[in-house]
Amino acid sequence: MAKHEILNFFEHRRDGAWICVKPFTLTTKVSSVDIRQGMRFDYGKRVGGVDLAEYLEQLGSQFGS
């Protein structure tokens, strides 16, 4: 999966949060984490060593969210 394809698993809300819309496993340099549908990610919430909301925002600005 190309890194920007992770955007297909999330919906970006007006309040800045990212909500998972279909489950997947996030694999980072430090761990693998199961992300379940409905999980909410706000800025500052680190998952597997990554601020997931910030990462998604960066990808969204490059590839569209």
C-alpha atoms as a PDB file:
ATOM      1  CA  MET A   1       0.000   0.000   0.000  1.00  0.00           C
ATOM      2  CA  ALA A   2       1.342   3.436  -0.924  1.00  0.00           C
ATOM      3  CA  LYS A   3       1.568   5.696   2.130  1.00  0.00           C
ATOM      4  CA  HIS A   4      -1.184   8.044   0.927  1.00  0.00           C
ATOM      5  CA  GLU A   5      -3.645   5.141   0.615  1.00  0.00           C
ATOM      6  CA  ILE A   6      -4.078   5.249   4.408  1.00  0.00           C
ATOM      7  CA  LEU A   7      -6.366   8.236   3.727  1.00  0.00           C
ATOM      8  CA  ASN A   8      -8.939   5.762   2.335  1.00  0.00           C
ATOM      9  CA  PHE A   9      -9.391   4.392   5.857  1.00  0.00           C
ATOM     10  CA  PHE A  10     -10.305   7.738   7.443  1.00  0.00           C
ATOM     11  CA  GLU A  11     -12.801  10.565   7.316  1.00  0.00           C
ATOM     12  CA  HIS A  12     -11.596  14.064   8.218  1.00  0.00           C
ATOM     13  CA  ARG A  13     -14.049  15.916  10.453  1.00  0.00           C
ATOM     14  CA  ARG A  14     -14.603  19.673  10.602  1.00  0.00           C
ATOM     15  CA  ASP A  15     -13.247  19.791  14.155  1.00  0.00           C
ATOM     16  CA  GLY A  16      -9.889  18.464  12.882  1.00  0.00           C
ATOM     17  CA  ALA A  17     -10.323  14.888  14.097  1.00  0.00           C
ATOM     18  CA  TRP A  18      -9.782  11.864  11.874  1.00  0.00           C
ATOM     19  CA  ILE A  19     -12.247   8.962  12.256  1.00  0.00           C
ATOM     20  CA  CYS A  20     -11.445   5.449  11.047  1.00  0.00           C
ATOM     21  CA  VAL A  21     -14.109   4.268   8.582  1.00  0.00           C
ATOM     22  CA  LYS A  22     -12.733   0.769   7.960  1.00  0.00           C
ATOM     23  CA  PRO A  23     -10.393  -1.326  10.095  1.00  0.00           C
ATOM     24  CA  PHE A  24      -6.753  -1.971   9.277  1.00  0.00           C
ATOM     25  CA  THR A  25      -3.416  -2.614  10.960  1.00  0.00           C
ATOM     26  CA  LEU A  26      -1.059   0.330  11.246  1.00  0.00           C
ATOM     27  CA  THR A  27       2.572  -0.802  11.115  1.00  0.00           C
ATOM     28  CA  THR A  28       5.239   1.686  12.185  1.00  0.00           C
ATOM     29  CA  LYS A  29       8.932   1.396  12.999  1.00  0.00           C
ATOM     30  CA  VAL A  30       8.116   0.617  16.633  1.00  0.00           C
ATOM     31  CA  SER A  31       4.905  -1.468  16.538  1.00  0.00           C
ATOM     32  CA  SER A  32       1.822  -2.780  14.787  1.00  0.00           C
ATOM     33  CA  VAL A  33      -1.525  -1.484  16.040  1.00  0.00           C
ATOM     34  CA  ASP A  34      -5.024  -2.634  15.088  1.00  0.00           C
ATOM     35  CA  ILE A  35      -7.108   0.414  14.190  1.00  0.00           C
ATOM     36  CA  ARG A  36     -10.834  -0.246  14.524  1.00  0.00           C
ATOM     37  CA  GLN A  37     -13.718   1.400  12.732  1.00  0.00           C
ATOM     38  CA  GLY A  38     -14.979   4.396  14.693  1.00  0.00           C
ATOM     39  CA  MET A  39     -11.689   5.164  16.452  1.00  0.00           C
ATOM     40  CA  ARG A  40     -11.056   8.899  16.684  1.00  0.00           C
ATOM     41  CA  PHE A  41      -7.647  10.526  16.340  1.00  0.00           C
ATOM     42  CA  ASP A  42      -7.004  14.097  17.430  1.00  0.00           C
ATOM     43  CA  TYR A  43      -3.749  16.042  17.238  1.00  0.00           C
ATOM     44  CA  GLY A  44      -1.281  14.899  19.867  1.00  0.00           C
ATOM     45  CA  LYS A  45      -2.652  11.352  20.156  1.00  0.00           C
ATOM     46  CA  ARG A  46       0.299   9.109  19.366  1.00  0.00           C
ATOM     47  CA  VAL A  47      -0.209   5.627  17.969  1.00  0.00           C
ATOM     48  CA  GLY A  48       2.792   3.395  17.381  1.00  0.00           C
ATOM     49  CA  GLY A  49       5.015   6.415  17.975  1.00  0.00           C
ATOM     50  CA  VAL A  50       3.214   8.560  15.363  1.00  0.00           C
ATOM     51  CA  ASP A  51       0.870  11.521  15.834  1.00  0.00           C
ATOM     52  CA  LEU A  52      -1.644   9.968  13.468  1.00  0.00           C
ATOM     53  CA  ALA A  53      -3.839  13.060  13.008  1.00  0.00           C
ATOM     54  CA  GLU A  54      -0.817  15.174  12.086  1.00  0.00           C
ATOM     55  CA  TYR A  55       0.460  12.499   9.697  1.00  0.00           C
ATOM     56  CA  LEU A  56      -2.933  12.190   7.995  1.00  0.00           C
ATOM     57  CA  GLU A  57      -3.209  15.975   7.728  1.00  0.00           C
ATOM     58  CA  GLN A  58       0.177  16.136   5.989  1.00  0.00           C
ATOM     59  CA  LEU A  59      -0.807  13.392   3.551  1.00  0.00           C
ATOM     60  CA  GLY A  60      -4.198  15.026   2.980  1.00  0.00           C
ATOM     61  CA  SER A  61      -2.566  18.307   2.033  1.00  0.00           C
ATOM     62  CA  GLN A  62      -0.328  16.508  -0.478  1.00  0.00           C
ATOM     63  CA  PHE A  63      -2.802  14.027  -1.942  1.00  0.00           C
ATOM     64  CA  GLY A  64      -6.269  15.350  -0.963  1.00  0.00           C
ATOM     65  CA  SER A  65      -8.292  14.147   2.010  1.00  0.00           C
END
